[in-house]
Amino acid sequence: MYRFAIILFIVMLTGCSTGQKITWPERASNLSGNDFYHQAFAMKWRERDSFAVKEILAGNIPSFLKKFVPVEISMLDSVSGRRIKATYYVSQDYLSIGTDDDWARINITPNAAQRIADSIGCFLPTRKMVDDIYGAARLKLEPVPMYAFRDSTPTMWHHHLIVEGQRKGRKGLIAGIQKDVVISGRISRDTRPDRVAIYGWHKLDGKPIQPLYTGHINWWVDYSQGVRLIYRRMKVDGKWMDYTEVLGDGVLKRLLCDEEFCDFYRYP
């Protein structure tokens, strides 16, 4: 009986682990967050993007960022009257570069973010997911708007330091510190080409500073735009599904999306 219980436990453990598996690149760079920003201070967006992607794909991220946490959601199917439950897994903080002892959040274009997400089996959130992640966050901080040189690298570094001053070493799922780069059906329907969608930056009352917005061209990046990675496979009523399957389902898409159109899955 004891031996059977051990075997059953191993089978259950294996079954639970097969769905959520993020393959991170082996660390091949130990450039610190401080050093990244010192080297990038004079860079414009294209050079900074390339530098950031190179470091991320070289495994240069703090270890806590590799530990995704669950966000549980549910919806009522109005046709069947059945409540559908789901869980997806999110990075605890926004995309960052550096070592465990010295790291910093970075701000990059949606195209660079998509390349990183694709490389490790992740995707970018929707507007609804940003709201749900904020609701689930253990650590909610007051946004700190900045007004001068918004797209400069020094301002990005300065904003990261301000957030760290607020955080005071507290750990856990964090929110309220950035607008999110999001996927949105408005992107493919905007008459202007090459758009980026942003949303969020919730105040402590739960209201976002930034409504869903596609007014910026996709190479515009400022200090307030962060990248939150979501593992692309999620559990829906106990079954593992790819996020594209969920968004492509006429009923299940409402678990992740609250827009009229939910058919924009990724940036090019």
Protein backbone atom coordinates (compact mmCIF):
# COMPACT_ATOMS: atom_id res chain seq x y z
CA MET A 1 0.00 0.00 0.00
CA TYR A 2 2.84 2.34 0.93
CA ARG A 3 4.66 1.58 -2.34
CA PHE A 4 1.47 2.23 -4.33
CA ALA A 5 1.03 5.61 -2.63
CA ILE A 6 4.58 6.64 -3.58
CA ILE A 7 4.05 5.61 -7.21
CA LEU A 8 0.75 7.50 -7.34
CA PHE A 9 2.41 10.60 -5.90
CA ILE A 10 5.18 10.47 -8.52
CA VAL A 11 2.64 10.07 -11.32
CA MET A 12 0.62 13.02 -10.04
CA LEU A 13 3.73 15.16 -9.67
CA THR A 14 4.87 14.32 -13.18
CA GLY A 15 1.43 15.07 -14.61
CA CYS A 16 1.33 18.46 -12.91
CA SER A 17 4.75 19.47 -14.15
CA THR A 18 4.37 18.56 -17.81
CA GLY A 19 2.03 21.43 -18.62
CA GLN A 20 4.06 24.30 -17.20
CA LYS A 21 7.61 24.15 -18.54
CA ILE A 22 9.52 27.28 -19.41
CA THR A 23 12.94 26.71 -20.94
CA TRP A 24 15.22 29.59 -20.07
CA PRO A 25 18.56 30.03 -21.85
CA GLU A 26 21.64 29.11 -19.85
CA ARG A 27 23.33 32.15 -18.35
CA ALA A 28 26.14 33.26 -20.61
CA SER A 29 26.39 36.85 -19.36
CA ASN A 30 26.77 38.36 -15.89
CA LEU A 31 26.31 41.96 -16.89
CA SER A 32 24.63 43.70 -13.95
CA GLY A 33 21.56 45.88 -14.20
CA ASN A 34 23.64 48.88 -13.24
CA ASP A 35 26.21 48.11 -15.93
CA PHE A 36 23.50 47.55 -18.55
CA TYR A 37 22.18 51.06 -18.02
CA HIS A 38 25.61 52.64 -17.89
CA GLN A 39 26.46 51.07 -21.24
CA ALA A 40 23.05 51.93 -22.71
CA PHE A 41 22.85 55.55 -21.47
CA ALA A 42 23.56 57.11 -24.86
CA MET A 43 21.65 54.52 -26.90
CA LYS A 44 18.52 55.23 -28.92
CA TRP A 45 15.66 52.75 -29.08
CA ARG A 46 16.98 50.44 -31.81
CA GLU A 47 20.43 49.95 -30.32
CA ARG A 48 19.00 49.62 -26.81
CA ASP A 49 16.49 47.02 -28.04
CA SER A 50 19.23 44.92 -29.62
CA PHE A 51 21.40 45.17 -26.52
CA ALA A 52 18.52 44.11 -24.25
CA VAL A 53 17.48 41.17 -26.42
CA LYS A 54 21.08 39.95 -26.62
CA GLU A 55 21.40 39.98 -22.83
CA ILE A 56 18.05 38.28 -22.20
CA LEU A 57 18.76 35.55 -24.75
CA ALA A 58 22.12 35.08 -23.05
CA GLY A 59 20.21 34.14 -19.90
CA ASN A 60 21.02 37.38 -18.13
CA ILE A 61 17.95 37.71 -15.89
CA PRO A 62 17.57 37.48 -12.10
CA SER A 63 16.48 34.07 -10.87
CA PHE A 64 13.26 35.33 -9.22
CA LEU A 65 11.96 36.33 -12.65
CA LYS A 66 12.05 32.67 -13.72
CA LYS A 67 9.54 31.69 -11.02
CA PHE A 68 6.11 32.25 -12.52
CA VAL A 69 3.12 32.40 -10.20
CA PRO A 70 -0.49 31.31 -10.80
CA VAL A 71 -3.37 33.70 -11.41
CA GLU A 72 -6.76 32.04 -10.98
CA ILE A 73 -9.75 33.28 -12.95
CA SER A 74 -13.26 32.10 -13.77
CA MET A 75 -16.27 32.96 -15.91
CA LEU A 76 -19.90 31.97 -16.14
CA ASP A 77 -20.95 30.40 -19.43
CA SER A 78 -24.25 32.18 -20.09
CA VAL A 79 -25.46 29.37 -22.37
CA SER A 80 -24.81 26.35 -20.15
CA GLY A 81 -24.88 28.19 -16.82
CA ARG A 82 -21.61 26.44 -15.93
CA ARG A 83 -18.76 28.23 -14.17
CA ILE A 84 -15.48 27.67 -15.97
CA LYS A 85 -12.29 27.95 -13.93
CA ALA A 86 -8.81 28.55 -15.29
CA THR A 87 -5.26 29.24 -14.16
CA TYR A 88 -2.43 30.91 -16.03
CA TYR A 89 1.12 31.63 -14.91
CA VAL A 90 2.79 35.03 -14.91
CA SER A 91 6.22 36.46 -14.17
CA GLN A 92 6.33 38.08 -10.74
CA ASP A 93 7.77 41.33 -12.09
CA TYR A 94 8.40 43.11 -15.37
CA LEU A 95 11.17 42.01 -17.70
CA SER A 96 14.56 42.74 -16.18
CA ILE A 97 18.25 42.27 -16.85
CA GLY A 98 21.05 41.43 -14.43
CA THR A 99 22.12 39.17 -11.60
CA ASP A 100 20.32 38.36 -8.37
CA ASP A 101 22.49 40.96 -6.61
CA ASP A 102 22.22 43.70 -9.23
CA TRP A 103 19.31 43.80 -11.69
CA ALA A 104 17.10 46.41 -13.35
CA ARG A 105 13.78 46.55 -15.19
CA ILE A 106 14.04 47.36 -18.87
CA ASN A 107 11.76 49.02 -21.43
CA ILE A 108 11.70 47.64 -24.97
CA THR A 109 9.55 47.64 -28.09
CA PRO A 110 6.72 45.10 -28.52
CA ASN A 111 8.62 43.43 -31.35
CA ALA A 112 11.66 42.84 -29.14
CA ALA A 113 9.36 41.67 -26.35
CA GLN A 114 7.67 39.22 -28.73
CA ARG A 115 11.02 37.77 -29.79
CA ILE A 116 11.90 37.11 -26.17
CA ALA A 117 8.45 35.70 -25.39
CA ASP A 118 8.60 33.35 -28.37
CA SER A 119 12.02 32.08 -27.32
CA ILE A 120 10.75 30.76 -23.98
CA GLY A 121 7.16 29.81 -24.81
CA CYS A 122 5.38 32.88 -23.46
CA PHE A 123 3.02 35.63 -24.64
CA LEU A 124 2.03 39.17 -23.69
CA PRO A 125 -1.14 39.87 -21.70
CA THR A 126 -4.47 41.32 -22.77
CA ARG A 127 -6.18 44.26 -21.10
CA LYS A 128 -8.34 41.91 -19.03
CA MET A 129 -5.32 39.93 -17.92
CA VAL A 130 -3.57 43.10 -16.74
CA ASP A 131 -6.61 43.86 -14.56
CA ASP A 132 -6.71 40.31 -13.21
CA ILE A 133 -2.98 40.30 -12.49
CA TYR A 134 -3.35 43.58 -10.62
CA GLY A 135 -6.16 42.06 -8.57
CA ALA A 136 -4.01 39.04 -7.73
CA ALA A 137 -0.85 41.04 -6.96
CA ARG A 138 0.57 40.71 -3.49
CA LEU A 139 2.43 44.00 -3.79
CA LYS A 140 0.60 47.01 -5.24
CA LEU A 141 2.57 50.25 -5.51
CA GLU A 142 1.49 53.80 -6.33
CA PRO A 143 2.45 54.84 -9.90
CA VAL A 144 5.16 57.50 -10.18
CA PRO A 145 4.73 59.53 -13.41
CA MET A 146 7.76 61.36 -14.82
CA TYR A 147 7.48 64.13 -17.35
CA ALA A 148 10.88 65.03 -18.84
CA PHE A 149 12.84 62.98 -21.40
CA ARG A 150 10.34 60.15 -21.11
CA ASP A 151 11.94 58.00 -23.82
CA SER A 152 15.55 58.46 -22.67
CA THR A 153 17.57 55.60 -21.22
CA PRO A 154 18.61 57.60 -18.10
CA THR A 155 14.92 58.24 -17.30
CA MET A 156 14.21 54.50 -17.54
CA TRP A 157 17.04 53.80 -15.08
CA HIS A 158 15.85 56.58 -12.77
CA HIS A 159 12.31 55.22 -12.76
CA HIS A 160 13.54 51.72 -11.89
CA LEU A 161 15.42 53.16 -8.89
CA ILE A 162 12.29 55.03 -7.75
CA VAL A 163 10.23 51.81 -7.88
CA GLU A 164 12.91 49.97 -5.91
CA GLY A 165 12.76 52.71 -3.31
CA GLN A 166 9.01 52.09 -3.02
CA ARG A 167 9.36 48.31 -2.98
CA LYS A 168 11.81 48.31 -0.06
CA GLY A 169 12.87 44.73 -0.72
CA ARG A 170 9.36 43.28 -0.43
CA LYS A 171 8.80 40.23 -2.62
CA GLY A 172 5.94 38.64 -4.56
CA LEU A 173 3.74 39.40 -7.54
CA ILE A 174 4.03 43.15 -8.10
CA ALA A 175 1.75 45.54 -10.00
CA GLY A 176 0.97 49.24 -10.36
CA ILE A 177 4.50 50.19 -11.37
CA GLN A 178 4.22 50.17 -15.20
CA LYS A 179 1.83 50.34 -18.10
CA ASP A 180 1.73 46.97 -19.85
CA VAL A 181 2.52 46.30 -23.47
CA VAL A 182 -0.57 44.26 -24.38
CA ILE A 183 -2.05 42.32 -27.27
CA SER A 184 -5.31 43.78 -28.54
CA GLY A 185 -7.74 43.40 -31.42
CA ARG A 186 -7.39 47.13 -31.96
CA ILE A 187 -3.89 46.62 -33.36
CA SER A 188 -5.01 44.75 -36.48
CA ARG A 189 -7.97 47.09 -36.97
CA ASP A 190 -6.15 50.38 -36.53
CA THR A 191 -5.89 52.17 -39.88
CA ARG A 192 -2.42 53.36 -38.89
CA PRO A 193 0.28 50.69 -39.39
CA ASP A 194 2.83 49.40 -36.88
CA ARG A 195 1.00 50.20 -33.65
CA VAL A 196 1.73 49.17 -30.06
CA ALA A 197 -1.08 48.70 -27.53
CA ILE A 198 -0.53 49.79 -23.94
CA TYR A 199 -2.78 49.64 -20.90
CA GLY A 200 -2.73 49.81 -17.13
CA TRP A 201 -0.55 51.49 -14.50
CA HIS A 202 -3.20 51.07 -11.82
CA LYS A 203 -3.48 53.51 -8.96
CA LEU A 204 -4.07 52.23 -5.44
CA ASP A 205 -7.82 52.64 -5.95
CA GLY A 206 -7.59 50.02 -8.70
CA LYS A 207 -8.23 52.44 -11.58
CA PRO A 208 -5.69 52.47 -14.43
CA ILE A 209 -4.01 55.71 -15.46
CA GLN A 210 -3.68 54.44 -19.03
CA PRO A 211 -6.80 53.32 -20.94
CA LEU A 212 -6.24 50.85 -23.76
CA TYR A 213 -4.32 52.92 -26.31
CA THR A 214 -2.83 52.31 -29.77
CA GLY A 215 -1.74 55.87 -30.51
CA HIS A 216 2.00 55.18 -30.42
CA ILE A 217 4.00 53.71 -33.28
CA ASN A 218 5.60 50.42 -32.30
CA TRP A 219 9.13 51.79 -31.94
CA TRP A 220 8.07 54.32 -29.33
CA VAL A 221 9.22 53.20 -25.88
CA ASP A 222 9.29 55.23 -22.69
CA TYR A 223 10.09 54.61 -19.03
CA SER A 224 6.49 53.67 -18.16
CA GLN A 225 6.02 50.77 -20.62
CA GLY A 226 6.84 47.39 -19.11
CA VAL A 227 6.77 43.83 -20.43
CA ARG A 228 5.06 41.12 -18.38
CA LEU A 229 5.58 37.57 -19.64
CA ILE A 230 2.81 34.97 -19.44
CA TYR A 231 3.38 31.24 -19.93
CA ARG A 232 1.53 30.33 -23.13
CA ARG A 233 -0.09 27.15 -21.74
CA MET A 234 -2.84 27.48 -19.18
CA LYS A 235 -5.22 25.20 -17.33
CA VAL A 236 -8.91 25.41 -18.20
CA ASP A 237 -11.09 23.19 -16.02
CA GLY A 238 -8.04 21.03 -15.36
CA LYS A 239 -7.02 20.71 -19.03
CA TRP A 240 -3.85 22.27 -20.42
CA MET A 241 -4.51 24.54 -23.41
CA ASP A 242 -2.45 26.96 -25.49
CA TYR A 243 -3.52 30.58 -25.07
CA THR A 244 -4.30 30.79 -28.81
CA GLU A 245 -6.79 27.94 -28.40
CA VAL A 246 -8.47 29.81 -25.56
CA LEU A 247 -8.61 33.13 -27.42
CA GLY A 248 -9.87 31.35 -30.53
CA ASP A 249 -12.78 29.72 -28.71
CA GLY A 250 -16.07 31.60 -28.88
CA VAL A 251 -16.80 30.97 -25.20
CA LEU A 252 -13.44 30.50 -23.51
CA LYS A 253 -11.91 33.67 -24.95
CA ARG A 254 -13.77 35.64 -22.28
CA LEU A 255 -11.43 34.12 -19.69
CA LEU A 256 -8.61 36.21 -21.14
CA CYS A 257 -10.17 39.00 -23.19
CA ASP A 258 -12.87 41.62 -22.61
CA GLU A 259 -12.66 43.31 -26.02
CA GLU A 260 -15.05 42.95 -28.92
CA PHE A 261 -12.33 41.28 -30.98
CA CYS A 262 -9.85 38.89 -29.35
CA ASP A 263 -8.00 37.63 -32.42
CA PHE A 264 -4.67 39.45 -32.20
CA TYR A 265 -2.32 36.93 -30.59
CA ARG A 266 1.17 38.34 -31.07
CA TYR A 267 3.30 41.14 -32.48
CA PRO A 268 5.22 40.46 -35.71
